[in-house]
Amino acid sequence: MVFSFLLAGVSYFYAGRSRWCVALTVLLALAFFASASASLWLVLGERHAGWAILSITLLAGVPLAALVIFAVDVAWGLFCTEMTYAVVVAWLLGLMLLLLNLVFLAVGCS
């Protein structure tokens, strides 16, 4: 999970230089959000299902939705607003998801 987050950041840094880095960034970001969501669900589990669903929706669903809206805006220009904040939102919420997972894994969250 941490490894995919760091690799996504590195490939995002080099994404302007080649097209395969963009595809690698998307793949690694999806791998990070999937593994972080699964890890959070496994840690919180059935005991705190409401908090797990809320956390996953807020910290994984919102960034993915923002990135999809950004991609649609870039490809077809459907929205007439500035959408570059979507990448910032995705990285900040992704970092919060990573930190939340690391805290819950360290504490054990019984």
C-alpha atoms as a PDB file:
ATOM      1  CA  MET A   1       0.000   0.000   0.000  1.00  0.00           C
ATOM      2  CA  VAL A   2       2.735   2.464   0.943  1.00  0.00           C
ATOM      3  CA  PHE A   3       4.854   1.236  -1.941  1.00  0.00           C
ATOM      4  CA  SER A   4       2.075   1.828  -4.495  1.00  0.00           C
ATOM      5  CA  PHE A   5       1.442   5.336  -3.096  1.00  0.00           C
ATOM      6  CA  LEU A   6       5.120   6.260  -3.412  1.00  0.00           C
ATOM      7  CA  LEU A   7       5.432   4.747  -6.892  1.00  0.00           C
ATOM      8  CA  ALA A   8       2.293   6.597  -8.027  1.00  0.00           C
ATOM      9  CA  GLY A   9       3.865   9.842  -6.833  1.00  0.00           C
ATOM     10  CA  VAL A  10       7.109   9.174  -8.674  1.00  0.00           C
ATOM     11  CA  SER A  11       5.347   8.212 -11.900  1.00  0.00           C
ATOM     12  CA  TYR A  12       3.076  11.280 -11.584  1.00  0.00           C
ATOM     13  CA  PHE A  13       6.203  13.448 -11.358  1.00  0.00           C
ATOM     14  CA  TYR A  14       7.458  11.991 -14.646  1.00  0.00           C
ATOM     15  CA  ALA A  15       4.008  11.808 -16.301  1.00  0.00           C
ATOM     16  CA  GLY A  16       4.599  14.883 -18.459  1.00  0.00           C
ATOM     17  CA  ARG A  17       7.586  13.280 -20.145  1.00  0.00           C
ATOM     18  CA  SER A  18       5.966  10.154 -21.591  1.00  0.00           C
ATOM     19  CA  ARG A  19       2.550   8.600 -22.090  1.00  0.00           C
ATOM     20  CA  TRP A  20       3.378   5.312 -20.395  1.00  0.00           C
ATOM     21  CA  CYS A  21       4.023   7.182 -17.141  1.00  0.00           C
ATOM     22  CA  VAL A  22       0.457   8.506 -17.230  1.00  0.00           C
ATOM     23  CA  ALA A  23      -0.901   4.973 -17.597  1.00  0.00           C
ATOM     24  CA  LEU A  24       1.417   3.752 -14.852  1.00  0.00           C
ATOM     25  CA  THR A  25       0.273   6.572 -12.563  1.00  0.00           C
ATOM     26  CA  VAL A  26      -3.388   5.671 -13.087  1.00  0.00           C
ATOM     27  CA  LEU A  27      -2.708   1.976 -12.527  1.00  0.00           C
ATOM     28  CA  LEU A  28      -0.700   2.591  -9.352  1.00  0.00           C
ATOM     29  CA  ALA A  29      -3.250   5.073  -7.995  1.00  0.00           C
ATOM     30  CA  LEU A  30      -6.037   2.548  -8.539  1.00  0.00           C
ATOM     31  CA  ALA A  31      -3.914  -0.137  -6.874  1.00  0.00           C
ATOM     32  CA  PHE A  32      -3.304   2.160  -3.917  1.00  0.00           C
ATOM     33  CA  PHE A  33      -6.955   3.107  -3.445  1.00  0.00           C
ATOM     34  CA  ALA A  34      -8.061  -0.535  -3.790  1.00  0.00           C
ATOM     35  CA  SER A  35      -5.469  -1.880  -1.349  1.00  0.00           C
ATOM     36  CA  ALA A  36      -6.011   0.946   1.142  1.00  0.00           C
ATOM     37  CA  SER A  37      -9.784   0.468   1.053  1.00  0.00           C
ATOM     38  CA  ALA A  38      -9.449  -3.287   1.503  1.00  0.00           C
ATOM     39  CA  SER A  39      -6.983  -2.825   4.338  1.00  0.00           C
ATOM     40  CA  LEU A  40      -9.235  -0.312   6.098  1.00  0.00           C
ATOM     41  CA  TRP A  41     -12.214  -2.647   5.721  1.00  0.00           C
ATOM     42  CA  LEU A  42     -10.228  -5.590   7.101  1.00  0.00           C
ATOM     43  CA  VAL A  43      -9.008  -3.566  10.086  1.00  0.00           C
ATOM     44  CA  LEU A  44     -12.336  -1.966  10.988  1.00  0.00           C
ATOM     45  CA  GLY A  45     -14.406  -4.897   9.796  1.00  0.00           C
ATOM     46  CA  GLU A  46     -17.824  -5.714  11.091  1.00  0.00           C
ATOM     47  CA  ARG A  47     -17.345  -4.028  14.446  1.00  0.00           C
ATOM     48  CA  HIS A  48     -17.220  -0.530  12.981  1.00  0.00           C
ATOM     49  CA  ALA A  49     -18.840  -1.000   9.575  1.00  0.00           C
ATOM     50  CA  GLY A  50     -20.424   2.453   9.532  1.00  0.00           C
ATOM     51  CA  TRP A  51     -17.124   4.208  10.127  1.00  0.00           C
ATOM     52  CA  ALA A  52     -15.397   1.974   7.586  1.00  0.00           C
ATOM     53  CA  ILE A  53     -17.966   2.739   4.887  1.00  0.00           C
ATOM     54  CA  LEU A  54     -17.869   6.467   5.672  1.00  0.00           C
ATOM     55  CA  SER A  55     -14.065   6.553   5.646  1.00  0.00           C
ATOM     56  CA  ILE A  56     -13.761   4.585   2.417  1.00  0.00           C
ATOM     57  CA  THR A  57     -16.409   6.707   0.706  1.00  0.00           C
ATOM     58  CA  LEU A  58     -14.844   9.982   1.790  1.00  0.00           C
ATOM     59  CA  LEU A  59     -11.173   9.097   1.425  1.00  0.00           C
ATOM     60  CA  ALA A  60     -11.287   6.806  -1.626  1.00  0.00           C
ATOM     61  CA  GLY A  61     -14.568   7.523  -3.422  1.00  0.00           C
ATOM     62  CA  VAL A  62     -14.279  11.307  -3.512  1.00  0.00           C
ATOM     63  CA  PRO A  63     -10.743  11.369  -4.980  1.00  0.00           C
ATOM     64  CA  LEU A  64     -11.642   8.790  -7.616  1.00  0.00           C
ATOM     65  CA  ALA A  65     -14.788  10.707  -8.538  1.00  0.00           C
ATOM     66  CA  ALA A  66     -12.796  13.948  -8.746  1.00  0.00           C
ATOM     67  CA  LEU A  67     -10.240  12.324 -11.037  1.00  0.00           C
ATOM     68  CA  VAL A  68     -12.957  10.870 -13.276  1.00  0.00           C
ATOM     69  CA  ILE A  69     -14.623  14.287 -13.545  1.00  0.00           C
ATOM     70  CA  PHE A  70     -11.233  15.832 -14.329  1.00  0.00           C
ATOM     71  CA  ALA A  71     -10.571  13.246 -17.066  1.00  0.00           C
ATOM     72  CA  VAL A  72     -14.015  13.797 -18.613  1.00  0.00           C
ATOM     73  CA  ASP A  73     -13.474  17.551 -18.526  1.00  0.00           C
ATOM     74  CA  VAL A  74     -10.087  17.272 -20.216  1.00  0.00           C
ATOM     75  CA  ALA A  75     -11.315  14.824 -22.851  1.00  0.00           C
ATOM     76  CA  TRP A  76     -14.653  16.371 -23.795  1.00  0.00           C
ATOM     77  CA  GLY A  77     -14.837  19.736 -22.026  1.00  0.00           C
ATOM     78  CA  LEU A  78     -18.205  19.041 -20.412  1.00  0.00           C
ATOM     79  CA  PHE A  79     -17.639  21.257 -17.380  1.00  0.00           C
ATOM     80  CA  CYS A  80     -16.937  24.968 -17.588  1.00  0.00           C
ATOM     81  CA  THR A  81     -15.028  25.175 -14.321  1.00  0.00           C
ATOM     82  CA  GLU A  82     -11.420  24.931 -13.295  1.00  0.00           C
ATOM     83  CA  MET A  83     -10.813  21.263 -12.538  1.00  0.00           C
ATOM     84  CA  THR A  84      -7.080  21.209 -11.756  1.00  0.00           C
ATOM     85  CA  TYR A  85      -7.881  21.105  -8.041  1.00  0.00           C
ATOM     86  CA  ALA A  86      -9.081  17.517  -8.559  1.00  0.00           C
ATOM     87  CA  VAL A  87      -5.512  16.213  -8.594  1.00  0.00           C
ATOM     88  CA  VAL A  88      -4.717  18.083  -5.371  1.00  0.00           C
ATOM     89  CA  VAL A  89      -7.867  16.727  -3.712  1.00  0.00           C
ATOM     90  CA  ALA A  90      -6.992  13.192  -4.800  1.00  0.00           C
ATOM     91  CA  TRP A  91      -3.433  13.371  -3.447  1.00  0.00           C
ATOM     92  CA  LEU A  92      -4.432  14.975  -0.136  1.00  0.00           C
ATOM     93  CA  LEU A  93      -7.287  12.566   0.558  1.00  0.00           C
ATOM     94  CA  GLY A  94      -5.110   9.663  -0.569  1.00  0.00           C
ATOM     95  CA  LEU A  95      -2.452  10.719   1.917  1.00  0.00           C
ATOM     96  CA  MET A  96      -5.092  10.957   4.645  1.00  0.00           C
ATOM     97  CA  LEU A  97      -6.283   7.444   3.755  1.00  0.00           C
ATOM     98  CA  LEU A  98      -2.727   6.146   3.947  1.00  0.00           C
ATOM     99  CA  LEU A  99      -2.129   7.767   7.340  1.00  0.00           C
ATOM    100  CA  LEU A 100      -5.457   6.501   8.684  1.00  0.00           C
ATOM    101  CA  ASN A 101      -4.577   2.969   7.586  1.00  0.00           C
ATOM    102  CA  LEU A 102      -1.132   3.157   9.153  1.00  0.00           C
ATOM    103  CA  VAL A 103      -2.567   4.411  12.452  1.00  0.00           C
ATOM    104  CA  PHE A 104      -5.253   1.720  12.551  1.00  0.00           C
ATOM    105  CA  LEU A 105      -2.751  -0.982  11.656  1.00  0.00           C
ATOM    106  CA  ALA A 106      -0.347   0.219  14.350  1.00  0.00           C
ATOM    107  CA  VAL A 107      -3.006   0.451  17.045  1.00  0.00           C
ATOM    108  CA  GLY A 108      -4.856  -2.696  16.081  1.00  0.00           C
ATOM    109  CA  CYS A 109      -8.294  -1.046  16.400  1.00  0.00           C
ATOM    110  CA  SER A 110      -9.998  -3.637  18.582  1.00  0.00           C
END
